[in-house]
Protein backbone atom coordinates (compact mmCIF):
# COMPACT_ATOMS: atom_id res chain seq x y z
CA MET A 1 93.00 84.64 117.97
CA PRO A 2 89.47 84.68 116.52
CA VAL A 3 88.73 83.15 113.12
CA ALA A 4 85.94 84.09 110.70
CA ARG A 5 84.70 81.95 107.83
CA ILE A 6 84.91 84.38 104.90
CA ASN A 7 84.94 83.72 101.15
CA GLY A 8 85.48 80.01 101.67
CA ILE A 9 88.50 80.30 103.97
CA ASN A 10 89.16 80.59 107.70
CA LEU A 11 90.44 84.15 108.10
CA SER A 12 92.28 84.86 111.35
CA PHE A 13 92.21 88.32 112.88
CA ASP A 14 92.83 90.20 116.11
CA ASP A 15 90.65 92.87 117.67
CA HIS A 16 92.29 95.43 119.96
CA GLY A 17 90.74 98.17 122.06
CA ALA A 18 87.50 100.09 121.66
CA GLY A 19 86.27 103.13 119.77
CA GLU A 20 86.07 103.85 116.06
CA PRO A 21 87.39 100.82 114.14
CA VAL A 22 90.56 100.80 112.03
CA VAL A 23 91.38 97.76 109.87
CA MET A 24 95.09 97.27 109.11
CA VAL A 25 96.31 95.22 106.13
CA THR A 26 99.92 94.00 105.95
CA GLY A 27 102.32 93.49 103.06
CA THR A 28 103.70 90.39 101.33
CA GLY A 29 104.46 87.49 103.65
CA ALA A 30 103.79 89.46 106.83
CA PRO A 31 101.37 88.35 109.58
CA GLY A 32 98.96 90.78 111.18
CA ARG A 33 101.02 90.85 114.36
CA VAL A 34 103.62 93.16 112.74
CA TRP A 35 101.33 96.07 113.67
CA ARG A 36 101.37 95.21 117.39
CA THR A 37 104.70 96.78 118.32
CA PHE A 38 104.03 100.37 117.27
CA GLN A 39 100.77 101.01 115.42
CA VAL A 40 98.29 99.12 117.61
CA PRO A 41 99.40 100.81 120.88
CA ALA A 42 99.47 104.28 119.28
CA LEU A 43 96.04 103.95 117.72
CA LYS A 44 94.53 102.44 120.88
CA ALA A 45 95.96 105.34 122.89
CA ALA A 46 94.32 107.72 120.42
CA GLY A 47 90.95 106.07 121.09
CA TYR A 48 90.62 103.67 118.17
CA ARG A 49 89.66 100.02 117.98
CA VAL A 50 92.28 98.25 115.83
CA ILE A 51 91.55 95.13 113.78
CA THR A 52 94.49 93.30 112.20
CA LEU A 53 94.30 90.23 109.98
CA ASP A 54 96.46 87.48 108.54
CA ASN A 55 96.03 87.62 104.78
CA ARG A 56 95.42 84.55 102.64
CA GLY A 57 98.43 82.27 102.62
CA ILE A 58 99.66 83.39 106.07
CA ALA A 59 98.95 80.94 108.89
CA PRO A 60 96.70 80.49 110.74
CA THR A 61 94.53 81.86 107.90
CA GLY A 62 93.87 79.18 105.28
CA PRO A 63 96.73 78.45 102.84
CA CYS A 64 94.60 78.40 99.62
CA PRO A 65 96.80 75.85 97.78
CA ASP A 66 94.92 76.39 94.50
CA GLY A 67 96.06 80.00 94.41
CA PHE A 68 94.27 83.33 94.72
CA THR A 69 94.18 86.82 93.29
CA LEU A 70 94.41 90.40 94.45
CA ASP A 71 90.63 90.61 94.07
CA ASP A 72 90.27 87.64 96.45
CA MET A 73 92.37 89.44 99.05
CA ALA A 74 90.34 92.66 98.70
CA ALA A 75 87.16 90.59 99.04
CA ASP A 76 88.56 89.08 102.26
CA VAL A 77 88.98 92.53 103.80
CA ALA A 78 85.48 93.45 102.66
CA GLY A 79 84.14 90.22 104.14
CA LEU A 80 85.84 90.86 107.48
CA ILE A 81 84.40 94.38 107.66
CA GLU A 82 80.94 92.96 106.96
CA PHE A 83 81.44 90.05 109.40
CA LEU A 84 82.31 92.51 112.18
CA GLY A 85 79.57 94.96 111.14
CA ILE A 86 81.94 97.94 111.23
CA GLY A 87 81.54 99.49 107.79
CA PRO A 88 82.13 102.13 106.69
CA CYS A 89 85.38 102.20 108.64
CA ARG A 90 88.96 103.45 108.43
CA VAL A 91 91.45 101.18 106.66
CA VAL A 92 95.26 101.24 106.60
CA GLY A 93 97.42 99.27 104.18
CA PHE A 94 101.16 98.82 103.69
CA SER A 95 102.86 97.80 100.41
CA LEU A 96 100.86 94.87 98.98
CA GLY A 97 98.34 95.59 101.73
CA ALA A 98 97.91 99.13 100.41
CA ILE A 99 97.26 97.81 96.91
CA ILE A 100 94.65 95.48 98.41
CA VAL A 101 93.01 98.49 100.07
CA GLN A 102 93.05 100.41 96.78
CA GLU A 103 91.22 97.55 95.08
CA LEU A 104 88.76 97.51 97.99
CA LEU A 105 88.13 101.23 97.44
CA VAL A 106 87.35 100.54 93.78
CA ALA A 107 85.19 97.45 94.32
CA ARG A 108 83.43 98.18 97.64
CA PRO A 109 83.65 101.92 98.35
CA GLU A 110 80.67 101.84 100.70
CA LEU A 111 82.72 99.89 103.27
CA VAL A 112 85.50 102.47 103.73
CA ARG A 113 85.25 105.83 105.49
CA ASN A 114 88.84 106.87 104.73
CA ALA A 115 92.13 105.13 104.02
CA VAL A 116 95.86 105.40 104.61
CA LEU A 117 98.07 103.88 101.90
CA MET A 118 101.73 103.38 102.80
CA ALA A 119 104.57 102.47 100.41
CA THR A 120 102.03 101.83 97.69
CA SER A 121 101.92 101.87 93.91
CA GLY A 122 99.35 101.90 91.16
CA ARG A 123 101.56 100.09 88.68
CA ALA A 124 104.57 97.80 88.79
CA ASP A 125 107.75 99.45 87.57
CA ALA A 126 110.74 97.49 86.28
CA LEU A 127 112.24 97.07 89.75
CA ILE A 128 109.04 95.75 91.32
CA ALA A 129 108.60 93.35 88.41
CA ALA A 130 112.19 92.14 88.75
CA MET A 131 111.84 91.68 92.51
CA ALA A 132 108.63 89.68 92.11
CA ALA A 133 110.14 87.43 89.44
CA ALA A 134 113.27 86.88 91.52
CA GLU A 135 111.29 85.97 94.66
CA ILE A 136 109.13 83.51 92.72
CA GLU A 137 112.22 81.92 91.18
CA LEU A 138 113.92 81.65 94.58
CA CYS A 139 110.79 80.11 96.10
CA ASN A 140 110.38 77.62 93.26
CA SER A 141 114.03 76.59 93.53
CA GLN A 142 113.40 75.47 97.14
CA VAL A 143 116.79 76.94 98.08
CA LYS A 144 116.86 78.07 101.72
CA LEU A 145 119.05 81.10 102.32
CA PRO A 146 121.09 80.96 105.54
CA PRO A 147 119.29 83.16 108.10
CA ARG A 148 122.30 85.46 108.60
CA TYR A 149 122.62 86.09 104.87
CA ALA A 150 118.86 86.57 104.46
CA ALA A 151 118.93 89.13 107.30
CA TYR A 152 121.75 91.04 105.58
CA VAL A 153 119.80 91.17 102.29
CA GLN A 154 116.61 92.21 104.08
CA ALA A 155 118.43 95.05 105.82
CA LEU A 156 119.91 96.37 102.56
CA GLN A 157 116.55 96.14 100.85
CA ASN A 158 114.29 97.64 103.51
CA LEU A 159 116.23 100.06 105.73
CA SER A 160 117.43 103.60 105.16
CA PRO A 161 121.11 104.61 104.82
CA GLN A 162 120.70 106.43 108.12
CA THR A 163 119.95 103.16 109.92
CA LEU A 164 122.48 101.14 107.93
CA ASN A 165 125.20 103.59 108.99
CA ASP A 166 124.29 103.34 112.68
CA GLU A 167 126.12 100.21 113.81
CA GLU A 168 124.19 99.78 117.05
CA GLN A 169 120.79 100.13 115.37
CA LEU A 170 121.86 97.94 112.47
CA GLY A 171 122.97 95.18 114.84
CA ASP A 172 119.53 95.22 116.46
CA TRP A 173 117.77 95.08 113.10
CA LEU A 174 119.93 92.23 111.83
CA GLY A 175 119.07 90.23 114.93
CA ILE A 176 115.36 90.88 114.43
CA PHE A 177 115.50 89.93 110.76
CA GLU A 178 117.43 86.75 111.50
CA MET A 179 114.90 85.63 114.11
CA SER A 180 111.82 86.56 112.06
CA MET A 181 112.85 85.62 108.54
CA ILE A 182 109.91 85.44 106.13
CA ASP A 183 109.38 81.96 104.74
CA LEU A 184 108.80 82.60 101.03
CA SER A 185 107.42 79.10 100.53
CA ALA A 186 104.71 79.80 103.13
CA ALA A 187 103.85 83.06 101.34
CA ARG A 188 104.08 81.54 97.84
CA GLY A 189 100.52 82.48 96.91
CA GLN A 190 101.19 86.17 97.56
CA LEU A 191 104.39 86.38 95.53
CA GLY A 192 103.93 88.30 92.32
CA LEU A 193 100.61 89.92 93.28
CA GLN A 194 102.36 93.28 93.57
CA ARG A 195 103.29 92.95 89.89
CA ILE A 196 100.14 94.77 88.79
CA SER A 197 99.25 96.40 85.50
CA ASN A 198 98.62 100.14 85.43
CA ARG A 199 95.65 100.61 87.78
CA LEU A 200 96.04 104.39 88.12
CA PRO A 201 93.14 105.32 85.79
CA SER A 202 90.75 103.26 87.96
CA TYR A 203 91.76 105.22 91.04
CA ARG A 204 90.25 108.42 89.61
CA ASP A 205 86.85 106.99 90.62
CA ILE A 206 87.79 106.59 94.30
CA GLY A 207 85.64 108.94 96.34
CA CYS A 208 86.74 108.52 99.96
CA PRO A 209 89.45 110.67 101.57
CA CYS A 210 92.91 109.07 101.38
CA LEU A 211 96.33 109.79 102.80
CA VAL A 212 99.22 108.32 100.83
CA ILE A 213 102.52 107.95 102.70
CA GLY A 214 105.81 107.45 100.89
CA PHE A 215 109.14 106.62 102.53
CA GLN A 216 112.04 108.74 101.34
CA ASP A 217 114.67 105.97 101.07
CA ASP A 218 112.35 103.17 99.94
CA ARG A 219 114.21 100.86 97.53
CA VAL A 220 111.31 98.44 97.12
CA VAL A 221 108.53 100.88 96.20
CA ALA A 222 110.12 104.16 95.14
CA PRO A 223 108.28 107.12 96.69
CA HIS A 224 107.42 108.61 93.31
CA LEU A 225 105.20 105.56 92.72
CA SER A 226 103.27 106.35 95.89
CA ARG A 227 103.03 109.99 94.86
CA GLU A 228 101.47 108.85 91.57
CA VAL A 229 98.71 107.11 93.50
CA ALA A 230 97.95 110.29 95.42
CA GLU A 231 97.86 112.26 92.19
CA HIS A 232 95.23 109.92 90.75
CA ILE A 233 92.89 109.69 93.77
CA PRO A 234 90.78 112.88 93.78
CA GLY A 235 91.33 115.04 96.84
CA SER A 236 93.93 112.74 98.41
CA ALA A 237 96.91 113.98 100.40
CA TYR A 238 100.52 112.86 100.11
CA THR A 239 103.25 112.99 102.70
CA GLU A 240 106.78 111.59 102.61
CA ILE A 241 108.54 110.44 105.75
CA PRO A 242 112.30 111.17 105.65
CA GLY A 243 115.06 108.94 106.95
CA CYS A 244 113.38 105.59 106.41
CA GLY A 245 113.23 102.79 103.89
CA HIS A 246 110.48 100.37 102.92
CA TYR A 247 109.87 99.40 106.53
CA GLY A 248 109.21 103.01 107.44
CA TYR A 249 106.30 102.16 109.72
CA LEU A 250 108.79 100.18 111.85
CA GLU A 251 111.88 102.31 111.26
CA ARG A 252 110.22 105.69 111.98
CA PRO A 253 107.03 104.65 113.78
CA ALA A 254 106.47 107.89 115.69
CA ALA A 255 106.36 109.95 112.49
CA VAL A 256 104.18 107.41 110.70
CA ASN A 257 101.76 107.06 113.62
CA ARG A 258 101.46 110.83 113.93
CA ALA A 259 100.67 111.16 110.23
CA ILE A 260 97.94 108.50 110.49
CA ILE A 261 96.35 109.87 113.65
CA ASP A 262 96.47 113.47 112.45
CA PHE A 263 94.79 112.44 109.21
CA PHE A 264 92.04 110.55 111.03
CA ALA A 265 91.46 113.54 113.32
CA GLY A 266 91.43 116.09 110.50
CA PRO A 267 88.43 118.16 109.42
CA GLY A 268 85.73 116.09 107.80
CA GLN A 269 87.43 112.78 108.58
C-alpha cells in the first residue's frame, strides 16, 4: 500500500486500475478497503481508475494523537489529489466521507470535476448528535463490547428491515460484523466530526455537478437530510435507493454502483 506525506502525516492509499480517476472517501472508523468488495471492481469494469484512502486516525495512516478537524480531513483529500496530479477528478464520499467531500467542494472546488455524496447531511439533527455523544462516551469509558453484542447492535443500526427479516442474509451479516468490528478507540479522533453545525447555506456556492444518494431505511442519516443537501447544491440530482439502510453501498451494491456509473456517464459529466 503506497503512502504519501501530506499535511504533516503519512496518508495511506490504494490505486486500482486505469482510466479517469475516481477518489473514494469512507465514513467514520472505516478503512479504504471497504470499497474493494463492490465499488472498486464495478468502477474498474466501467473503465475508471479508483483511488481509495485511509482517513486520518485509521491505520496505517498516521494516528494524529493531538486531534484533527473536518477541515484537516478535506485538506488531506485535496493533498492526495494534488500529490497524484489527477485534479480535477471525480470524488465519491459516504457518510462522514461525504461531508468531507462537501467541505472539499467548498474549499477547493478546482480539484473536483463532479461528486457523489452518499448518506450525507448538511447539519447534525438530534439523532446524529445523540449518536456522536454516545460513541464518544463509550470510547472514553474504555468499555469493550463483546463482539457478538456489538455485531447485533451494528446490524440493527445499519441494515434495512428487509435484510433483518431474512434469516440467512442476517446470519451472514452478523458474522461479517463480528469479524470486522470497528475499534472506536482507534477511530477516536473521528468521533463527533459528523456533529456539524448547519452548513447548508455554504453549499449554495458549490458549482460542480453532484449526485446525492439517500438510503430509504437509513437510521443513522435519515434520507431527508441527504435530500436537503441536494436541495442546497445548485443543479444537483437526488436519488433514493430502496430496501437498504445506512450501509446501502454494501447492502444494495448493484443499485448504488449503477447510480454512480450512470451519473458519471451522463451528459456533460
